[in-house]
């Protein structure tokens, strides 16, 4: 018998995860979803549009792009695909985070993201983007709109959408349309929907387990014996 699909997390449950950075979410997922300990997160560095911004967490909207050569599509087909992407970003539930896979042999050859697209996506309720492609217009990006990109580049070249709403992989993170993703300056992780409501309690447990070790390490007279005692104390916290 097939397992029942995971219940959709509420908007408040999703928003609550923005209180934690992405490494903390990854730690907590080791408790709620141990089978995902070595999967579901990005494994290559990003250029980050604004490292001072806090975490973003939302519903994934996916797309794929190319930029090294013209699409070959008619102007009408190009506009229709672009419109479908924007309409999809604007669909409920929100907020959204766009995950775009650049399919070129040299990802980032042309930038999809810049002043215009950051403003459009922010206006449609999108919090940011995760891509292996490039972005530009650093001083003109929409305020508060976060971009984790493969690189910064000057040109959009022949950038065009290939398709929308498909499975993508960005820097080792596989994502499907409708997933929940958490991202900050460290990278990104897909959060299983059945774990969203349980993560705050798992975060609290992680912090309680770390507390005796950190207190010992930061205190006076710390030595190997104190480390061993603190690690033993941490192991007893459940």
C-alpha atoms as a PDB file:
ATOM      1  CA  UNK A   1       0.000   0.000   0.000  1.00  0.00           C
ATOM      2  CA  UNK A   2       1.369   3.429  -0.914  1.00  0.00           C
ATOM      3  CA  UNK A   3       2.038   5.815   1.947  1.00  0.00           C
ATOM      4  CA  UNK A   4      -0.313   8.763   2.261  1.00  0.00           C
ATOM      5  CA  UNK A   5       1.125  12.040   0.966  1.00  0.00           C
ATOM      6  CA  UNK A   6       2.573  14.347   3.583  1.00  0.00           C
ATOM      7  CA  UNK A   7       0.177  16.961   4.898  1.00  0.00           C
ATOM      8  CA  UNK A   8       0.782  20.441   3.611  1.00  0.00           C
ATOM      9  CA  UNK A   9       2.498  22.525   6.295  1.00  0.00           C
ATOM     10  CA  UNK A  10       0.789  25.743   7.272  1.00  0.00           C
ATOM     11  CA  UNK A  11       2.083  29.169   6.338  1.00  0.00           C
ATOM     12  CA  UNK A  12       2.936  29.849   9.987  1.00  0.00           C
ATOM     13  CA  UNK A  13       4.891  26.593  10.297  1.00  0.00           C
ATOM     14  CA  UNK A  14       6.917  27.427   7.208  1.00  0.00           C
ATOM     15  CA  UNK A  15       7.537  31.020   8.282  1.00  0.00           C
ATOM     16  CA  UNK A  16       8.750  29.839  11.699  1.00  0.00           C
ATOM     17  CA  UNK A  17      11.735  28.119  10.059  1.00  0.00           C
ATOM     18  CA  UNK A  18      13.133  31.485   8.959  1.00  0.00           C
ATOM     19  CA  UNK A  19      14.186  32.014  12.583  1.00  0.00           C
ATOM     20  CA  UNK A  20      17.018  29.500  12.073  1.00  0.00           C
ATOM     21  CA  UNK A  21      19.989  29.509   9.733  1.00  0.00           C
ATOM     22  CA  UNK A  22      20.320  26.785   7.130  1.00  0.00           C
ATOM     23  CA  UNK A  23      23.076  24.796   8.931  1.00  0.00           C
ATOM     24  CA  UNK A  24      20.788  24.624  11.965  1.00  0.00           C
ATOM     25  CA  UNK A  25      17.968  23.311   9.788  1.00  0.00           C
ATOM     26  CA  UNK A  26      20.338  20.676   8.382  1.00  0.00           C
ATOM     27  CA  UNK A  27      21.288  19.642  11.932  1.00  0.00           C
ATOM     28  CA  UNK A  28      17.638  19.343  12.934  1.00  0.00           C
ATOM     29  CA  UNK A  29      16.807  17.312   9.828  1.00  0.00           C
ATOM     30  CA  UNK A  30      19.304  14.701  11.036  1.00  0.00           C
ATOM     31  CA  UNK A  31      16.827  14.132  13.881  1.00  0.00           C
ATOM     32  CA  UNK A  32      13.500  14.432  12.059  1.00  0.00           C
ATOM     33  CA  UNK A  33      14.605  12.844   8.783  1.00  0.00           C
ATOM     34  CA  UNK A  34      17.778  10.799   9.376  1.00  0.00           C
ATOM     35  CA  UNK A  35      17.466   9.110   5.993  1.00  0.00           C
ATOM     36  CA  UNK A  36      18.226  12.491   4.398  1.00  0.00           C
ATOM     37  CA  UNK A  37      21.436  13.138   6.326  1.00  0.00           C
ATOM     38  CA  UNK A  38      23.551  12.948   3.144  1.00  0.00           C
ATOM     39  CA  UNK A  39      21.125  14.264   0.552  1.00  0.00           C
ATOM     40  CA  UNK A  40      18.830  17.165  -0.228  1.00  0.00           C
ATOM     41  CA  UNK A  41      21.258  20.072   0.221  1.00  0.00           C
ATOM     42  CA  UNK A  42      23.638  22.071  -1.955  1.00  0.00           C
ATOM     43  CA  UNK A  43      27.256  20.921  -2.071  1.00  0.00           C
ATOM     44  CA  UNK A  44      29.036  23.704  -3.974  1.00  0.00           C
ATOM     45  CA  UNK A  45      29.650  27.349  -3.035  1.00  0.00           C
ATOM     46  CA  UNK A  46      27.448  30.218  -4.192  1.00  0.00           C
ATOM     47  CA  UNK A  47      27.944  33.872  -4.909  1.00  0.00           C
ATOM     48  CA  UNK A  48      25.432  35.526  -2.567  1.00  0.00           C
ATOM     49  CA  UNK A  49      23.713  38.756  -3.552  1.00  0.00           C
ATOM     50  CA  UNK A  50      23.405  40.061   0.025  1.00  0.00           C
ATOM     51  CA  UNK A  51      25.100  38.022   2.779  1.00  0.00           C
ATOM     52  CA  UNK A  52      23.490  40.266   5.414  1.00  0.00           C
ATOM     53  CA  UNK A  53      19.999  38.996   4.613  1.00  0.00           C
ATOM     54  CA  UNK A  54      18.424  36.403   6.861  1.00  0.00           C
ATOM     55  CA  UNK A  55      17.185  32.977   5.773  1.00  0.00           C
ATOM     56  CA  UNK A  56      14.465  32.571   3.179  1.00  0.00           C
ATOM     57  CA  UNK A  57      12.023  29.665   3.235  1.00  0.00           C
ATOM     58  CA  UNK A  58       9.163  29.033   0.863  1.00  0.00           C
ATOM     59  CA  UNK A  59       7.481  26.921  -1.777  1.00  0.00           C
ATOM     60  CA  UNK A  60       9.724  25.974  -4.683  1.00  0.00           C
ATOM     61  CA  UNK A  61       8.971  27.148  -8.207  1.00  0.00           C
ATOM     62  CA  UNK A  62      11.312  25.531 -10.707  1.00  0.00           C
ATOM     63  CA  UNK A  63      12.544  26.393 -14.181  1.00  0.00           C
ATOM     64  CA  UNK A  64      15.422  25.645 -16.526  1.00  0.00           C
ATOM     65  CA  UNK A  65      17.336  28.124 -18.690  1.00  0.00           C
ATOM     66  CA  UNK A  66      20.012  28.359 -21.378  1.00  0.00           C
ATOM     67  CA  UNK A  67      21.965  31.391 -22.598  1.00  0.00           C
ATOM     68  CA  UNK A  68      24.822  30.405 -24.904  1.00  0.00           C
ATOM     69  CA  UNK A  69      22.690  30.317 -28.076  1.00  0.00           C
ATOM     70  CA  UNK A  70      19.301  31.657 -29.165  1.00  0.00           C
ATOM     71  CA  UNK A  71      16.345  29.461 -28.266  1.00  0.00           C
ATOM     72  CA  UNK A  72      15.103  29.093 -31.824  1.00  0.00           C
ATOM     73  CA  UNK A  73      11.531  29.592 -30.598  1.00  0.00           C
ATOM     74  CA  UNK A  74       9.207  32.170 -32.098  1.00  0.00           C
ATOM     75  CA  UNK A  75       8.790  35.471 -30.224  1.00  0.00           C
ATOM     76  CA  UNK A  76       5.231  34.417 -29.435  1.00  0.00           C
ATOM     77  CA  UNK A  77       6.339  31.100 -27.921  1.00  0.00           C
ATOM     78  CA  UNK A  78       9.075  32.839 -25.942  1.00  0.00           C
ATOM     79  CA  UNK A  79       6.616  35.334 -24.485  1.00  0.00           C
ATOM     80  CA  UNK A  80       4.123  32.593 -23.675  1.00  0.00           C
ATOM     81  CA  UNK A  81       6.693  30.537 -21.770  1.00  0.00           C
ATOM     82  CA  UNK A  82       7.878  33.599 -19.884  1.00  0.00           C
ATOM     83  CA  UNK A  83       4.294  34.471 -18.982  1.00  0.00           C
ATOM     84  CA  UNK A  84       3.687  30.904 -17.786  1.00  0.00           C
ATOM     85  CA  UNK A  85       6.740  31.138 -15.534  1.00  0.00           C
ATOM     86  CA  UNK A  86       5.651  34.428 -13.981  1.00  0.00           C
ATOM     87  CA  UNK A  87       2.087  33.179 -13.499  1.00  0.00           C
ATOM     88  CA  UNK A  88       3.409  30.055 -11.823  1.00  0.00           C
ATOM     89  CA  UNK A  89       5.595  32.080  -9.459  1.00  0.00           C
ATOM     90  CA  UNK A  90       2.511  34.100  -8.485  1.00  0.00           C
ATOM     91  CA  UNK A  91       0.361  31.034  -7.740  1.00  0.00           C
ATOM     92  CA  UNK A  92      -0.616  30.145  -4.192  1.00  0.00           C
ATOM     93  CA  UNK A  93       0.566  28.901  -1.815  1.00  0.00           C
ATOM     94  CA  UNK A  94       3.323  31.374  -1.179  1.00  0.00           C
ATOM     95  CA  UNK A  95       5.758  32.801  -0.464  1.00  0.00           C
ATOM     96  CA  UNK A  96       7.896  31.249  -3.152  1.00  0.00           C
ATOM     97  CA  UNK A  97      11.570  30.641  -3.836  1.00  0.00           C
ATOM     98  CA  UNK A  98      12.576  30.086  -7.462  1.00  0.00           C
ATOM     99  CA  UNK A  99      15.086  27.297  -8.132  1.00  0.00           C
ATOM    100  CA  UNK A 100      16.504  27.604 -11.651  1.00  0.00           C
ATOM    101  CA  UNK A 101      18.888  25.154 -13.268  1.00  0.00           C
ATOM    102  CA  UNK A 102      21.162  26.596 -15.953  1.00  0.00           C
ATOM    103  CA  UNK A 103      21.512  23.833 -18.558  1.00  0.00           C
ATOM    104  CA  UNK A 104      24.395  25.333 -20.541  1.00  0.00           C
ATOM    105  CA  UNK A 105      27.775  23.543 -20.718  1.00  0.00           C
ATOM    106  CA  UNK A 106      29.109  26.710 -19.091  1.00  0.00           C
ATOM    107  CA  UNK A 107      26.459  27.623 -16.502  1.00  0.00           C
ATOM    108  CA  UNK A 108      26.248  31.352 -15.927  1.00  0.00           C
ATOM    109  CA  UNK A 109      27.270  32.357 -19.458  1.00  0.00           C
ATOM    110  CA  UNK A 110      24.237  34.650 -19.500  1.00  0.00           C
ATOM    111  CA  UNK A 111      22.386  36.051 -16.483  1.00  0.00           C
ATOM    112  CA  UNK A 112      18.653  35.528 -16.024  1.00  0.00           C
ATOM    113  CA  UNK A 113      18.722  37.520 -12.799  1.00  0.00           C
ATOM    114  CA  UNK A 114      19.261  41.257 -12.546  1.00  0.00           C
ATOM    115  CA  UNK A 115      17.424  44.476 -11.776  1.00  0.00           C
ATOM    116  CA  UNK A 116      14.290  43.677 -13.779  1.00  0.00           C
ATOM    117  CA  UNK A 117      13.721  40.029 -12.898  1.00  0.00           C
ATOM    118  CA  UNK A 118      14.480  40.556  -9.216  1.00  0.00           C
ATOM    119  CA  UNK A 119      11.895  43.357  -9.106  1.00  0.00           C
ATOM    120  CA  UNK A 120       9.286  41.310 -10.995  1.00  0.00           C
ATOM    121  CA  UNK A 121       9.733  38.213  -8.850  1.00  0.00           C
ATOM    122  CA  UNK A 122       9.724  40.150  -5.591  1.00  0.00           C
ATOM    123  CA  UNK A 123       6.529  41.881  -6.667  1.00  0.00           C
ATOM    124  CA  UNK A 124       4.942  38.488  -7.334  1.00  0.00           C
ATOM    125  CA  UNK A 125       5.661  37.283  -3.798  1.00  0.00           C
ATOM    126  CA  UNK A 126       8.983  35.546  -4.375  1.00  0.00           C
ATOM    127  CA  UNK A 127      11.621  35.789  -1.634  1.00  0.00           C
ATOM    128  CA  UNK A 128      14.646  34.900  -3.717  1.00  0.00           C
ATOM    129  CA  UNK A 129      16.333  32.524  -6.115  1.00  0.00           C
ATOM    130  CA  UNK A 130      18.724  29.594  -5.992  1.00  0.00           C
ATOM    131  CA  UNK A 131      20.572  28.905  -9.240  1.00  0.00           C
ATOM    132  CA  UNK A 132      23.780  27.530 -10.669  1.00  0.00           C
ATOM    133  CA  UNK A 133      23.537  30.325 -13.236  1.00  0.00           C
ATOM    134  CA  UNK A 134      24.681  33.906 -12.919  1.00  0.00           C
ATOM    135  CA  UNK A 135      23.229  37.217 -11.793  1.00  0.00           C
ATOM    136  CA  UNK A 136      24.154  40.852 -12.375  1.00  0.00           C
ATOM    137  CA  UNK A 137      23.107  44.467 -11.574  1.00  0.00           C
ATOM    138  CA  UNK A 138      24.391  44.117  -8.033  1.00  0.00           C
ATOM    139  CA  UNK A 139      23.561  47.677  -6.984  1.00  0.00           C
ATOM    140  CA  UNK A 140      20.111  47.580  -8.573  1.00  0.00           C
ATOM    141  CA  UNK A 141      18.742  44.256  -7.340  1.00  0.00           C
ATOM    142  CA  UNK A 142      15.402  44.499  -5.564  1.00  0.00           C
ATOM    143  CA  UNK A 143      16.063  45.274  -1.872  1.00  0.00           C
ATOM    144  CA  UNK A 144      15.594  42.230   0.321  1.00  0.00           C
ATOM    145  CA  UNK A 145      15.516  39.819  -2.614  1.00  0.00           C
ATOM    146  CA  UNK A 146      18.116  37.132  -2.014  1.00  0.00           C
ATOM    147  CA  UNK A 147      19.994  35.400  -4.817  1.00  0.00           C
ATOM    148  CA  UNK A 148      22.293  32.421  -4.386  1.00  0.00           C
ATOM    149  CA  UNK A 149      23.977  32.075  -7.751  1.00  0.00           C
ATOM    150  CA  UNK A 150      26.781  30.163  -9.341  1.00  0.00           C
ATOM    151  CA  UNK A 151      28.580  33.371 -10.285  1.00  0.00           C
ATOM    152  CA  UNK A 152      28.259  37.080 -10.976  1.00  0.00           C
ATOM    153  CA  UNK A 153      28.457  38.031 -14.652  1.00  0.00           C
ATOM    154  CA  UNK A 154      27.956  41.106 -16.843  1.00  0.00           C
ATOM    155  CA  UNK A 155      25.724  39.943 -19.727  1.00  0.00           C
ATOM    156  CA  UNK A 156      22.407  38.205 -20.218  1.00  0.00           C
ATOM    157  CA  UNK A 157      23.641  36.865 -23.601  1.00  0.00           C
ATOM    158  CA  UNK A 158      20.829  34.776 -25.153  1.00  0.00           C
ATOM    159  CA  UNK A 159      19.269  33.806 -21.834  1.00  0.00           C
ATOM    160  CA  UNK A 160      15.868  32.179 -22.198  1.00  0.00           C
ATOM    161  CA  UNK A 161      13.589  29.817 -20.355  1.00  0.00           C
ATOM    162  CA  UNK A 162      13.622  26.214 -21.540  1.00  0.00           C
ATOM    163  CA  UNK A 163      10.774  24.916 -19.403  1.00  0.00           C
ATOM    164  CA  UNK A 164       9.047  25.542 -16.072  1.00  0.00           C
ATOM    165  CA  UNK A 165       7.694  23.388 -13.278  1.00  0.00           C
ATOM    166  CA  UNK A 166      10.141  20.522 -13.880  1.00  0.00           C
ATOM    167  CA  UNK A 167      12.560  18.654 -11.628  1.00  0.00           C
ATOM    168  CA  UNK A 168      15.895  20.457 -11.351  1.00  0.00           C
ATOM    169  CA  UNK A 169      19.285  19.985  -9.734  1.00  0.00           C
ATOM    170  CA  UNK A 170      21.302  22.972  -8.539  1.00  0.00           C
ATOM    171  CA  UNK A 171      24.745  22.479  -7.002  1.00  0.00           C
ATOM    172  CA  UNK A 172      23.836  18.908  -6.093  1.00  0.00           C
ATOM    173  CA  UNK A 173      20.436  19.757  -4.580  1.00  0.00           C
ATOM    174  CA  UNK A 174      17.559  18.060  -6.369  1.00  0.00           C
ATOM    175  CA  UNK A 175      14.306  20.005  -6.134  1.00  0.00           C
ATOM    176  CA  UNK A 176      10.805  19.481  -7.424  1.00  0.00           C
ATOM    177  CA  UNK A 177       8.131  22.055  -8.010  1.00  0.00           C
ATOM    178  CA  UNK A 178       6.149  22.503  -4.789  1.00  0.00           C
ATOM    179  CA  UNK A 179       8.926  21.427  -2.413  1.00  0.00           C
ATOM    180  CA  UNK A 180       9.793  23.515   0.639  1.00  0.00           C
ATOM    181  CA  UNK A 181      13.301  24.983   0.525  1.00  0.00           C
ATOM    182  CA  UNK A 182      15.347  26.786   3.167  1.00  0.00           C
ATOM    183  CA  UNK A 183      18.314  28.922   2.131  1.00  0.00           C
ATOM    184  CA  UNK A 184      20.753  31.502   3.403  1.00  0.00           C
ATOM    185  CA  UNK A 185      24.344  32.557   2.758  1.00  0.00           C
ATOM    186  CA  UNK A 186      25.553  29.025   3.560  1.00  0.00           C
ATOM    187  CA  UNK A 187      23.502  27.330   0.838  1.00  0.00           C
ATOM    188  CA  UNK A 188      20.134  25.617   0.617  1.00  0.00           C
ATOM    189  CA  UNK A 189      18.294  22.478   1.699  1.00  0.00           C
ATOM    190  CA  UNK A 190      14.978  20.938   0.675  1.00  0.00           C
ATOM    191  CA  UNK A 191      12.826  20.366   3.753  1.00  0.00           C
ATOM    192  CA  UNK A 192      10.490  17.358   3.659  1.00  0.00           C
ATOM    193  CA  UNK A 193       6.946  18.565   4.232  1.00  0.00           C
ATOM    194  CA  UNK A 194       6.354  16.043   6.997  1.00  0.00           C
ATOM    195  CA  UNK A 195       9.322  17.495   8.905  1.00  0.00           C
ATOM    196  CA  UNK A 196       8.349  21.179   8.823  1.00  0.00           C
ATOM    197  CA  UNK A 197       6.164  21.127  11.949  1.00  0.00           C
ATOM    198  CA  UNK A 198       8.685  18.993  13.883  1.00  0.00           C
ATOM    199  CA  UNK A 199      11.787  21.013  13.122  1.00  0.00           C
ATOM    200  CA  UNK A 200      11.515  23.681  15.866  1.00  0.00           C
ATOM    201  CA  UNK A 201      11.506  20.988  18.569  1.00  0.00           C
ATOM    202  CA  UNK A 202      14.438  19.247  16.857  1.00  0.00           C
ATOM    203  CA  UNK A 203      16.341  22.547  16.723  1.00  0.00           C
ATOM    204  CA  UNK A 204      15.765  23.022  20.437  1.00  0.00           C
ATOM    205  CA  UNK A 205      17.088  19.508  21.125  1.00  0.00           C
ATOM    206  CA  UNK A 206      20.202  20.180  19.039  1.00  0.00           C
ATOM    207  CA  UNK A 207      20.858  23.385  20.946  1.00  0.00           C
ATOM    208  CA  UNK A 208      20.455  21.660  24.324  1.00  0.00           C
ATOM    209  CA  UNK A 209      22.912  18.970  23.258  1.00  0.00           C
ATOM    210  CA  UNK A 210      25.445  21.557  22.123  1.00  0.00           C
ATOM    211  CA  UNK A 211      25.103  23.753  25.226  1.00  0.00           C
ATOM    212  CA  UNK A 212      27.286  21.775  27.676  1.00  0.00           C
ATOM    213  CA  UNK A 213      30.050  21.344  25.091  1.00  0.00           C
ATOM    214  CA  UNK A 214      30.071  25.023  24.171  1.00  0.00           C
ATOM    215  CA  UNK A 215      29.963  26.103  27.821  1.00  0.00           C
ATOM    216  CA  UNK A 216      32.949  23.920  28.621  1.00  0.00           C
ATOM    217  CA  UNK A 217      34.947  24.964  25.553  1.00  0.00           C
ATOM    218  CA  UNK A 218      34.391  28.656  26.263  1.00  0.00           C
ATOM    219  CA  UNK A 219      35.036  28.399  29.999  1.00  0.00           C
ATOM    220  CA  UNK A 220      38.199  28.627  32.030  1.00  0.00           C
ATOM    221  CA  UNK A 221      40.283  25.550  32.603  1.00  0.00           C
ATOM    222  CA  UNK A 222      39.063  23.761  29.499  1.00  0.00           C
ATOM    223  CA  UNK A 223      41.065  20.643  28.750  1.00  0.00           C
ATOM    224  CA  UNK A 224      40.576  17.183  27.292  1.00  0.00           C
ATOM    225  CA  UNK A 225      39.044  15.901  30.511  1.00  0.00           C
ATOM    226  CA  UNK A 226      36.500  18.726  30.522  1.00  0.00           C
ATOM    227  CA  UNK A 227      35.728  18.027  26.882  1.00  0.00           C
ATOM    228  CA  UNK A 228      35.081  14.359  27.620  1.00  0.00           C
ATOM    229  CA  UNK A 229      32.783  15.225  30.549  1.00  0.00           C
ATOM    230  CA  UNK A 230      30.825  17.725  28.471  1.00  0.00           C
ATOM    231  CA  UNK A 231      30.419  15.318  25.571  1.00  0.00           C
ATOM    232  CA  UNK A 232      29.195  12.611  27.952  1.00  0.00           C
ATOM    233  CA  UNK A 233      26.678  15.079  29.411  1.00  0.00           C
ATOM    234  CA  UNK A 234      25.496  16.008  25.909  1.00  0.00           C
ATOM    235  CA  UNK A 235      24.969  12.352  25.003  1.00  0.00           C
ATOM    236  CA  UNK A 236      22.496  12.014  27.898  1.00  0.00           C
ATOM    237  CA  UNK A 237      20.227  14.773  26.579  1.00  0.00           C
ATOM    238  CA  UNK A 238      17.215  13.410  24.718  1.00  0.00           C
END
